[in-house]
């Protein structure tokens, strides 16, 4: 049984590239939106928060 020879430096670099791509994708999703899109998301979230608060029972 012979194992496949792996260059650890290459594996480390590939992992770093994959991590960078994942982080870049998250940043594009978070910061790559127009002002109107951000406002719409905030409004939707605020409405959901108000609805949830409206269903709370008083202690």
N, C-alpha and C. Protein backbone atom coordinates (compact mmCIF):
# COMPACT_ATOMS: atom_id res chain seq x y z
N UNK A 1 0.84 -1.17 0.00
CA UNK A 1 0.00 0.00 0.00
C UNK A 1 0.88 1.24 0.00
N UNK A 2 0.77 2.00 -1.04
CA UNK A 2 1.54 3.23 -1.07
C UNK A 2 0.59 4.42 -1.02
N UNK A 3 0.92 5.36 -0.19
CA UNK A 3 0.09 6.54 -0.02
C UNK A 3 0.47 7.59 -1.06
N UNK A 4 -0.46 8.44 -1.34
CA UNK A 4 -0.19 9.52 -2.29
C UNK A 4 0.69 10.56 -1.60
N UNK A 5 1.70 11.01 -2.30
CA UNK A 5 2.60 12.02 -1.75
C UNK A 5 1.93 13.38 -1.88
N UNK A 6 1.93 14.12 -0.77
CA UNK A 6 1.26 15.41 -0.73
C UNK A 6 2.27 16.49 -0.36
N UNK A 7 2.27 17.56 -1.14
CA UNK A 7 3.12 18.69 -0.84
C UNK A 7 2.34 19.58 0.14
N UNK A 8 2.79 19.61 1.39
CA UNK A 8 2.07 20.32 2.44
C UNK A 8 2.02 21.83 2.18
N UNK A 9 3.06 22.37 1.60
CA UNK A 9 3.07 23.80 1.30
C UNK A 9 1.97 24.13 0.30
N UNK A 10 1.81 23.31 -0.71
CA UNK A 10 0.77 23.53 -1.72
C UNK A 10 -0.62 23.40 -1.10
N UNK A 11 -0.79 22.43 -0.22
CA UNK A 11 -2.08 22.24 0.44
C UNK A 11 -2.41 23.45 1.31
N UNK A 12 -1.42 23.96 2.02
CA UNK A 12 -1.64 25.15 2.86
C UNK A 12 -2.04 26.35 2.01
N UNK A 13 -1.37 26.54 0.88
CA UNK A 13 -1.69 27.66 0.01
C UNK A 13 -3.09 27.51 -0.59
N UNK A 14 -3.46 26.32 -0.98
CA UNK A 14 -4.80 26.10 -1.53
C UNK A 14 -5.87 26.38 -0.48
N UNK A 15 -5.60 25.97 0.76
CA UNK A 15 -6.55 26.22 1.85
C UNK A 15 -6.67 27.72 2.09
N UNK A 16 -5.55 28.44 2.07
CA UNK A 16 -5.58 29.88 2.28
C UNK A 16 -6.36 30.57 1.16
N UNK A 17 -6.19 30.12 -0.08
CA UNK A 17 -6.94 30.69 -1.19
C UNK A 17 -8.43 30.44 -1.03
N UNK A 18 -8.79 29.23 -0.64
CA UNK A 18 -10.20 28.89 -0.46
C UNK A 18 -10.82 29.74 0.65
N UNK A 19 -10.08 29.92 1.75
CA UNK A 19 -10.57 30.75 2.85
C UNK A 19 -10.75 32.20 2.39
N UNK A 20 -9.80 32.69 1.62
CA UNK A 20 -9.89 34.05 1.10
C UNK A 20 -11.09 34.23 0.19
N UNK A 21 -11.32 33.25 -0.67
CA UNK A 21 -12.48 33.33 -1.57
C UNK A 21 -13.78 33.32 -0.79
N UNK A 22 -13.85 32.50 0.25
CA UNK A 22 -15.06 32.41 1.07
C UNK A 22 -15.31 33.75 1.78
N UNK A 23 -14.25 34.33 2.32
CA UNK A 23 -14.39 35.62 3.01
C UNK A 23 -14.77 36.73 2.03
N UNK A 24 -14.20 36.70 0.83
CA UNK A 24 -14.53 37.70 -0.18
C UNK A 24 -16.00 37.59 -0.59
N UNK A 25 -16.49 36.38 -0.73
CA UNK A 25 -17.90 36.17 -1.08
C UNK A 25 -18.82 36.74 0.00
N UNK A 26 -18.46 36.52 1.26
CA UNK A 26 -19.26 37.06 2.37
C UNK A 26 -19.23 38.58 2.35
N UNK A 27 -18.08 39.17 2.08
CA UNK A 27 -17.97 40.63 2.03
C UNK A 27 -18.76 41.20 0.87
N UNK A 28 -18.73 40.51 -0.29
CA UNK A 28 -19.50 40.99 -1.43
C UNK A 28 -20.99 40.97 -1.10
N UNK A 29 -21.43 39.94 -0.39
CA UNK A 29 -22.84 39.86 -0.03
C UNK A 29 -23.21 40.94 0.97
N UNK A 30 -22.32 41.24 1.90
CA UNK A 30 -22.63 42.20 2.96
C UNK A 30 -22.48 43.65 2.50
N UNK A 31 -21.47 43.95 1.73
CA UNK A 31 -21.15 45.34 1.41
C UNK A 31 -21.42 45.72 -0.03
N UNK A 32 -21.72 44.76 -0.88
CA UNK A 32 -21.89 45.05 -2.30
C UNK A 32 -23.32 45.31 -2.69
N UNK A 33 -24.09 45.92 -1.80
CA UNK A 33 -25.49 46.19 -2.09
C UNK A 33 -25.72 47.69 -2.18
N UNK A 34 -26.75 48.07 -2.92
CA UNK A 34 -27.06 49.48 -3.05
C UNK A 34 -27.70 50.00 -1.77
N UNK A 35 -27.78 51.32 -1.68
CA UNK A 35 -28.37 51.93 -0.49
C UNK A 35 -29.83 51.53 -0.35
N UNK A 36 -30.54 51.43 -1.46
CA UNK A 36 -31.95 51.06 -1.43
C UNK A 36 -32.12 49.62 -0.94
N UNK A 37 -31.24 48.72 -1.38
CA UNK A 37 -31.32 47.34 -0.92
C UNK A 37 -31.06 47.24 0.58
N UNK A 38 -30.10 47.99 1.06
CA UNK A 38 -29.80 47.99 2.50
C UNK A 38 -30.99 48.53 3.28
N UNK A 39 -31.60 49.60 2.79
CA UNK A 39 -32.75 50.19 3.47
C UNK A 39 -33.92 49.21 3.49
N UNK A 40 -34.15 48.51 2.39
CA UNK A 40 -35.24 47.54 2.33
C UNK A 40 -35.01 46.41 3.32
N UNK A 41 -33.77 45.95 3.44
CA UNK A 41 -33.45 44.89 4.39
C UNK A 41 -33.68 45.37 5.82
N UNK A 42 -33.24 46.59 6.11
CA UNK A 42 -33.45 47.15 7.45
C UNK A 42 -34.93 47.29 7.76
N UNK A 43 -35.73 47.74 6.79
CA UNK A 43 -37.16 47.91 7.00
C UNK A 43 -37.83 46.57 7.25
N UNK A 44 -37.45 45.56 6.50
CA UNK A 44 -38.02 44.23 6.68
C UNK A 44 -37.68 43.68 8.06
N UNK A 45 -36.44 43.86 8.47
CA UNK A 45 -36.01 43.38 9.77
C UNK A 45 -36.73 44.12 10.90
N UNK A 46 -36.90 45.43 10.74
CA UNK A 46 -37.58 46.22 11.76
C UNK A 46 -39.04 45.78 11.88
N UNK A 47 -39.69 45.51 10.75
CA UNK A 47 -41.09 45.05 10.79
C UNK A 47 -41.19 43.70 11.48
N UNK A 48 -40.27 42.81 11.21
CA UNK A 48 -40.27 41.50 11.86
C UNK A 48 -40.05 41.65 13.37
N UNK A 49 -39.15 42.54 13.76
CA UNK A 49 -38.90 42.78 15.19
C UNK A 49 -40.13 43.34 15.88
N UNK A 50 -40.82 44.30 15.22
CA UNK A 50 -42.04 44.87 15.81
C UNK A 50 -43.13 43.81 15.95
N UNK A 51 -43.26 42.96 14.95
CA UNK A 51 -44.27 41.91 15.01
C UNK A 51 -43.98 40.96 16.17
N UNK A 52 -42.72 40.58 16.32
CA UNK A 52 -42.34 39.69 17.41
C UNK A 52 -42.60 40.34 18.76
N UNK A 53 -42.21 41.61 18.89
CA UNK A 53 -42.45 42.32 20.16
C UNK A 53 -43.93 42.46 20.45
N UNK A 54 -44.76 42.58 19.43
CA UNK A 54 -46.19 42.71 19.60
C UNK A 54 -46.84 41.44 20.16
N UNK A 55 -46.20 40.32 19.98
CA UNK A 55 -46.74 39.06 20.46
C UNK A 55 -46.23 38.67 21.85
N UNK A 56 -45.45 39.52 22.46
CA UNK A 56 -44.94 39.22 23.80
C UNK A 56 -46.04 39.40 24.84
N UNK A 57 -45.98 38.59 25.84
CA UNK A 57 -46.94 38.71 26.94
C UNK A 57 -46.33 39.58 28.02
N UNK A 58 -47.16 40.34 28.68
CA UNK A 58 -46.71 41.19 29.78
C UNK A 58 -46.56 40.33 31.03
N UNK A 59 -45.55 40.57 31.80
CA UNK A 59 -45.33 39.83 33.05
C UNK A 59 -45.96 40.53 34.22
